[in-house]
Amino acid sequence: KRDEKNRGVYMSLATIHESQMKSILQHANIEDGYQPTMTLIEQISAEKGGASLIAAAFLIEGQLTRAKMAYLEYLGFAFQLLDDLQDFHEDMKNNHRTIFTQTFLDGKTLDEPTGRLIQYCYSSPAFKIFPDDQHTISDSKNQYTLAHYVRISMMMFAIILILEAASQLKKYYSKQFYQDLSTLSPIPFDQLKTISVEEKIWAIVQNQWF
């Protein structure tokens, strides 16, 4: 029975299903000339990313405040765009339109959407403080919890993954932008594009948890 306690879980899972169905609209059809608009692509990407994180949080915590749901929607959009950047070649091959593939097909470099994604990850909503965090206080002066620092670390890791994905897409960026990213990256691009950061981290997690 769908009681009120689990209502959020059911609704978030239903939203995931709905957004996955909508993602079909991101596929361009050469035969009939269908091309999704950038507005539609952005909308579906935001819904899909946010729904996934909210559903996971409901399953873990059971209940979520509106503030945390808004935060997860914000974060989910960033992670969805990161995934789209990582899957750029595959999406191009499959005629799947994302912000990145559509930008390239519009005759532009990936400079702007990549720069905006990095900026998005550094914007204030990504570092929101939640007074209801039920975790150990890490800093008695500012009352920051360990959970808050973990969230900050997560965003910093997302930046590394963005840089890793960008390092493998050199020809899709302007020479200056790619050089700037490479210079600012904490790990040289020559190394970053070959070390598979995400795969190594996931291997460690699997080894520790499973």
Protein backbone atom coordinates (compact mmCIF):
# COMPACT_ATOMS: atom_id res chain seq x y z
CA LYS A 1 0.00 0.00 0.00
CA ARG A 2 1.27 3.45 -0.88
CA ASP A 3 1.23 5.08 2.54
CA GLU A 4 2.22 8.70 3.11
CA LYS A 5 5.60 7.67 4.49
CA ASN A 6 6.66 6.18 1.15
CA ARG A 7 4.81 8.62 -1.07
CA GLY A 8 7.99 10.48 -1.98
CA VAL A 9 9.71 7.27 -3.06
CA TYR A 10 6.85 6.28 -5.36
CA MET A 11 6.55 9.75 -6.85
CA SER A 12 10.27 10.08 -7.51
CA LEU A 13 10.44 6.64 -9.15
CA ALA A 14 7.45 7.58 -11.31
CA THR A 15 9.24 10.79 -12.27
CA ILE A 16 12.32 8.81 -13.31
CA HIS A 17 10.15 6.63 -15.54
CA GLU A 18 8.48 9.67 -17.06
CA SER A 19 11.77 11.46 -17.72
CA GLN A 20 13.27 8.32 -19.27
CA MET A 21 10.28 8.12 -21.60
CA LYS A 22 10.75 11.78 -22.48
CA SER A 23 14.42 11.16 -23.27
CA ILE A 24 13.25 9.40 -26.43
CA LEU A 25 12.49 12.90 -27.68
CA GLN A 26 16.22 13.63 -27.58
CA HIS A 27 16.83 11.24 -30.47
CA ALA A 28 16.99 12.99 -33.81
CA ASN A 29 15.34 11.13 -36.67
CA ILE A 30 17.08 11.54 -40.00
CA GLU A 31 14.25 9.89 -41.92
CA ASP A 32 11.47 12.27 -40.92
CA GLY A 33 13.73 15.23 -40.15
CA TYR A 34 12.81 15.44 -36.47
CA GLN A 35 15.25 17.56 -34.46
CA PRO A 36 14.70 18.37 -30.76
CA THR A 37 15.10 22.00 -29.76
CA MET A 38 17.79 23.08 -27.32
CA THR A 39 15.06 24.17 -24.89
CA LEU A 40 13.56 20.68 -24.90
CA ILE A 41 16.99 19.09 -24.49
CA GLU A 42 17.75 21.26 -21.46
CA GLN A 43 14.37 20.53 -19.90
CA ILE A 44 14.66 16.76 -20.25
CA SER A 45 18.27 16.77 -19.01
CA ALA A 46 17.29 18.71 -15.89
CA GLU A 47 14.31 16.48 -15.14
CA LYS A 48 16.20 13.25 -15.73
CA GLY A 49 19.19 14.15 -13.58
CA GLY A 50 17.18 15.60 -10.73
CA ALA A 51 14.72 12.71 -10.58
CA SER A 52 17.47 10.11 -10.25
CA LEU A 53 19.13 11.77 -7.26
CA ILE A 54 15.86 12.55 -5.50
CA ALA A 55 14.72 8.94 -5.85
CA ALA A 56 18.01 7.66 -4.43
CA ALA A 57 17.79 10.10 -1.51
CA PHE A 58 14.20 9.10 -0.72
CA LEU A 59 15.21 5.44 -0.68
CA ILE A 60 18.06 6.20 1.73
CA GLU A 61 16.48 8.82 4.01
CA GLY A 62 12.77 8.16 3.61
CA GLN A 63 11.84 11.83 3.91
CA LEU A 64 13.28 14.95 2.30
CA THR A 65 12.76 18.64 2.95
CA ARG A 66 11.89 20.91 0.04
CA ALA A 67 15.32 22.52 0.40
CA LYS A 68 17.09 19.19 -0.02
CA MET A 69 14.92 18.26 -2.97
CA ALA A 70 15.80 21.55 -4.65
CA TYR A 71 19.47 20.92 -3.92
CA LEU A 72 19.30 17.42 -5.39
CA GLU A 73 17.56 18.72 -8.50
CA TYR A 74 20.36 21.25 -8.91
CA LEU A 75 23.02 18.63 -8.36
CA GLY A 76 21.30 16.09 -10.58
CA PHE A 77 21.31 18.45 -13.54
CA ALA A 78 25.07 18.93 -13.13
CA PHE A 79 25.69 15.19 -12.99
CA GLN A 80 23.48 14.60 -16.02
CA LEU A 81 25.47 17.15 -18.01
CA LEU A 82 28.70 15.55 -16.84
CA ASP A 83 27.42 12.21 -18.07
CA ASP A 84 26.46 13.78 -21.40
CA LEU A 85 29.94 15.25 -21.81
CA GLN A 86 31.51 11.87 -21.03
CA ASP A 87 29.21 10.18 -23.58
CA PHE A 88 29.74 12.77 -26.32
CA HIS A 89 31.13 10.37 -28.94
CA GLU A 90 28.51 7.70 -28.27
CA ASP A 91 25.67 10.23 -28.37
CA MET A 92 26.93 11.63 -31.67
CA LYS A 93 27.02 8.13 -33.11
CA ASN A 94 23.46 7.40 -31.96
CA ASN A 95 21.96 10.75 -33.03
CA HIS A 96 21.18 11.46 -29.38
CA ARG A 97 20.91 15.18 -28.79
CA THR A 98 22.36 16.61 -25.61
CA ILE A 99 23.45 20.15 -24.86
CA PHE A 100 26.94 19.19 -26.03
CA THR A 101 26.09 17.29 -29.20
CA GLN A 102 23.54 19.90 -30.24
CA THR A 103 26.03 22.71 -29.65
CA PHE A 104 28.56 20.97 -31.89
CA LEU A 105 25.98 20.26 -34.58
CA ASP A 106 25.05 23.94 -34.50
CA GLY A 107 28.59 24.62 -35.69
CA LYS A 108 30.02 25.74 -32.36
CA THR A 109 32.80 24.50 -30.12
CA LEU A 110 32.10 22.94 -26.73
CA ASP A 111 33.76 25.90 -25.00
CA GLU A 112 30.59 27.58 -23.76
CA PRO A 113 28.62 24.60 -22.41
CA THR A 114 31.71 23.17 -20.72
CA GLY A 115 32.59 26.51 -19.15
CA ARG A 116 29.00 26.95 -17.98
CA LEU A 117 28.99 23.46 -16.46
CA ILE A 118 32.14 24.18 -14.46
CA GLN A 119 30.65 27.48 -13.31
CA TYR A 120 27.41 25.71 -12.42
CA CYS A 121 29.30 23.31 -10.15
CA TYR A 122 30.92 26.26 -8.37
CA SER A 123 27.72 28.26 -7.90
CA SER A 124 26.38 28.82 -4.39
CA PRO A 125 23.49 26.27 -4.54
CA ALA A 126 26.08 23.51 -4.88
CA PHE A 127 27.47 24.41 -1.44
CA LYS A 128 24.19 24.85 0.40
CA ILE A 129 24.20 24.29 4.16
CA PHE A 130 21.36 22.27 5.69
CA PRO A 131 20.57 22.96 9.35
CA ASP A 132 18.87 19.56 9.68
CA ASP A 133 22.01 17.55 8.87
CA GLN A 134 22.12 14.78 11.44
CA HIS A 135 25.86 14.27 11.38
CA THR A 136 28.90 15.05 13.46
CA ILE A 137 29.87 18.71 13.66
CA SER A 138 33.30 18.96 12.07
CA ASP A 139 34.05 22.60 12.84
CA SER A 140 32.73 24.08 16.09
CA LYS A 141 33.35 27.64 14.88
CA ASN A 142 31.11 27.54 11.83
CA GLN A 143 29.02 24.47 12.74
CA TYR A 144 29.74 22.78 9.40
CA THR A 145 28.94 19.09 9.45
CA LEU A 146 30.93 16.29 7.92
CA ALA A 147 28.07 15.86 5.46
CA HIS A 148 28.61 19.42 4.24
CA TYR A 149 32.30 18.81 3.62
CA VAL A 150 31.48 15.57 1.82
CA ARG A 151 29.12 17.47 -0.47
CA ILE A 152 31.86 20.01 -1.21
CA SER A 153 34.33 17.21 -1.97
CA MET A 154 31.77 15.62 -4.28
CA MET A 155 31.51 18.81 -6.32
CA MET A 156 35.29 19.12 -6.53
CA PHE A 157 35.45 15.55 -7.77
CA ALA A 158 32.81 16.40 -10.38
CA ILE A 159 35.09 19.17 -11.66
CA ILE A 160 37.92 16.65 -12.07
CA LEU A 161 35.60 14.38 -14.07
CA ILE A 162 34.56 17.30 -16.28
CA LEU A 163 38.22 18.07 -16.95
CA GLU A 164 38.91 14.39 -17.64
CA ALA A 165 36.09 14.24 -20.19
CA ALA A 166 37.20 17.50 -21.81
CA SER A 167 40.80 16.29 -22.06
CA GLN A 168 39.62 13.55 -24.42
CA LEU A 169 37.68 15.93 -26.69
CA LYS A 170 40.47 18.26 -27.79
CA LYS A 171 39.31 18.77 -31.37
CA TYR A 172 35.89 19.96 -30.23
CA TYR A 173 37.28 22.93 -28.30
CA SER A 174 38.97 26.09 -29.41
CA LYS A 175 42.74 25.94 -29.06
CA GLN A 176 42.76 28.68 -26.41
CA PHE A 177 39.98 27.19 -24.29
CA TYR A 178 41.53 23.73 -24.31
CA GLN A 179 44.90 25.21 -23.38
CA ASP A 180 43.33 27.17 -20.52
CA LEU A 181 41.61 24.06 -19.16
CA SER A 182 44.83 22.10 -19.41
CA THR A 183 46.80 24.82 -17.63
CA LEU A 184 44.27 25.16 -14.81
CA SER A 185 43.76 21.43 -14.32
CA PRO A 186 45.39 20.06 -11.13
CA ILE A 187 46.36 17.00 -13.18
CA PRO A 188 48.13 17.55 -16.53
CA PHE A 189 45.83 16.71 -19.44
CA ASP A 190 48.38 14.32 -20.94
CA GLN A 191 47.99 12.20 -17.80
CA LEU A 192 44.34 12.93 -17.07
CA LYS A 193 43.04 11.62 -20.38
CA THR A 194 44.65 8.23 -19.84
CA ILE A 195 44.28 7.45 -16.12
CA SER A 196 40.49 6.80 -16.08
CA VAL A 197 39.75 8.55 -12.78
CA GLU A 198 36.11 7.48 -12.51
CA GLU A 199 36.84 3.84 -13.30
CA LYS A 200 39.56 3.67 -10.66
CA ILE A 201 37.37 5.29 -7.99
CA TRP A 202 34.48 2.95 -8.81
CA ALA A 203 36.83 -0.05 -8.61
CA ILE A 204 37.89 1.06 -5.12
CA VAL A 205 34.26 1.50 -4.04
CA GLN A 206 33.33 -1.95 -5.34
CA ASN A 207 36.28 -3.49 -3.54
CA GLN A 208 35.40 -1.80 -0.24
CA TRP A 209 31.61 -2.23 -0.30
CA PHE A 210 31.01 -5.41 -2.24
